[in-house]
Protein backbone atom coordinates (compact mmCIF):
# COMPACT_ATOMS: atom_id res chain seq x y z
CA MET A 1 21.94 7.27 25.91
CA ARG A 2 18.74 8.71 23.78
CA LYS A 3 16.08 5.86 22.80
CA GLN A 4 15.61 5.73 18.78
CA ASN A 5 12.21 5.82 17.12
CA LYS A 6 12.17 2.58 15.18
CA HIS A 7 9.69 4.19 12.89
CA ILE A 8 11.95 7.01 11.57
CA GLY A 9 12.79 6.51 7.83
CA SER A 10 10.20 3.88 7.47
CA SER A 11 7.36 3.97 5.36
CA LEU A 12 3.60 4.53 6.26
CA ASP A 13 3.08 1.14 4.40
CA ASP A 14 5.92 -0.36 6.98
CA PHE A 15 4.36 1.54 9.97
CA LEU A 16 0.88 0.19 9.44
CA SER A 17 1.81 -3.38 8.08
CA GLU A 18 3.58 -3.38 11.74
CA GLU A 19 0.77 -2.14 13.19
CA GLY A 20 -1.25 -5.01 11.61
CA VAL A 21 -3.50 -2.56 10.26
CA LEU A 22 -2.27 -1.96 6.63
CA GLU A 23 -5.08 -4.30 4.52
CA GLU A 24 -7.94 -2.74 6.41
CA THR A 25 -6.52 1.24 5.93
CA ARG A 26 -6.09 0.33 2.10
CA ALA A 27 -9.89 -0.85 1.97
CA VAL A 28 -11.24 2.33 4.23
CA ALA A 29 -9.47 4.47 2.04
CA LEU A 30 -10.27 3.05 -1.31
CA LYS A 31 -13.82 2.95 0.12
CA GLU A 32 -13.75 6.68 1.12
CA THR A 33 -12.47 7.59 -2.19
CA LEU A 34 -15.37 5.59 -4.08
CA ALA A 35 -18.22 7.18 -2.00
CA TRP A 36 -16.24 10.61 -2.64
CA GLN A 37 -15.93 9.93 -6.61
CA VAL A 38 -19.30 9.05 -6.57
CA LYS A 39 -20.84 11.74 -4.86
CA GLN A 40 -18.60 14.47 -6.99
CA ALA A 41 -20.75 12.92 -10.07
CA MET A 42 -23.57 13.27 -8.47
CA GLU A 43 -23.24 16.97 -7.70
CA LYS A 44 -21.87 17.57 -10.87
CA ASP A 45 -24.67 15.93 -12.63
CA LYS A 46 -27.32 17.42 -10.45
CA ILE A 47 -28.82 14.38 -9.33
CA THR A 48 -30.41 13.79 -6.07
CA LYS A 49 -29.97 11.19 -3.75
CA VAL A 50 -33.72 10.24 -4.95
CA GLU A 51 -33.04 9.80 -8.77
CA MET A 52 -29.84 8.32 -7.42
CA ALA A 53 -31.62 5.30 -6.05
CA LYS A 54 -33.82 5.32 -8.98
CA ARG A 55 -31.30 5.23 -11.42
CA MET A 56 -29.23 2.18 -9.04
CA ASN A 57 -32.53 0.46 -8.49
CA THR A 58 -32.30 0.33 -4.89
CA SER A 59 -33.45 2.04 -1.85
CA ARG A 60 -32.27 5.34 -0.47
CA ALA A 61 -30.85 3.64 2.42
CA ALA A 62 -28.51 1.43 0.42
CA LEU A 63 -27.40 4.50 -1.32
CA ASP A 64 -26.52 6.14 2.00
CA ARG A 65 -24.52 3.37 2.68
CA LEU A 66 -22.60 3.99 -0.25
CA LEU A 67 -22.18 7.46 0.47
CA ASP A 68 -21.02 7.17 3.86
CA PRO A 69 -17.22 7.04 3.70
CA GLY A 70 -17.21 5.28 7.08
CA ASN A 71 -19.41 2.41 6.14
CA ALA A 72 -17.27 -0.37 4.65
CA SER A 73 -20.26 -2.95 4.11
CA VAL A 74 -21.03 -1.98 0.32
CA THR A 75 -21.10 -4.99 -2.29
CA LEU A 76 -19.37 -4.52 -5.56
CA GLN A 77 -22.39 -5.47 -7.38
CA THR A 78 -23.97 -2.00 -5.49
CA LEU A 79 -20.83 -0.06 -6.64
CA ALA A 80 -21.03 -1.60 -9.98
CA ARG A 81 -24.68 -0.08 -10.51
CA ALA A 82 -23.83 2.95 -8.91
CA ALA A 83 -20.94 3.37 -11.62
CA ARG A 84 -23.30 2.67 -13.97
CA ALA A 85 -25.97 5.27 -12.87
CA ILE A 86 -23.55 8.05 -12.75
CA GLY A 87 -22.47 6.95 -16.65
CA ARG A 88 -19.17 5.11 -15.68
CA ASP A 89 -17.58 1.94 -15.19
CA LEU A 90 -16.36 0.04 -11.96
CA ARG A 91 -12.80 -1.30 -12.73
CA ILE A 92 -11.22 -3.35 -9.60
CA GLU A 93 -7.34 -4.89 -10.73
CA LEU A 94 -4.74 -6.75 -8.43
CA VAL A 95 -1.71 -4.90 -8.62
């Protein structure tokens, strides 16, 4: 008799939860999305990294951490400054 795959029919969230990585995966996806949105806005408005760092009143290194999708060590304060620097608001909600 064939062994059935226990994950067939389950959702991705169910699978990630069973593996114990759901929250981490969500956090990484959120950070990647925010980094992509900031980068897209910078490109659209032709804002250089040097100019963006000045607008955020931060260093180029801090901006590079923000734009690096794999770097999760970004504070809410940094995200809020980045949003203001590109003329946007940062909105975070519990759902």
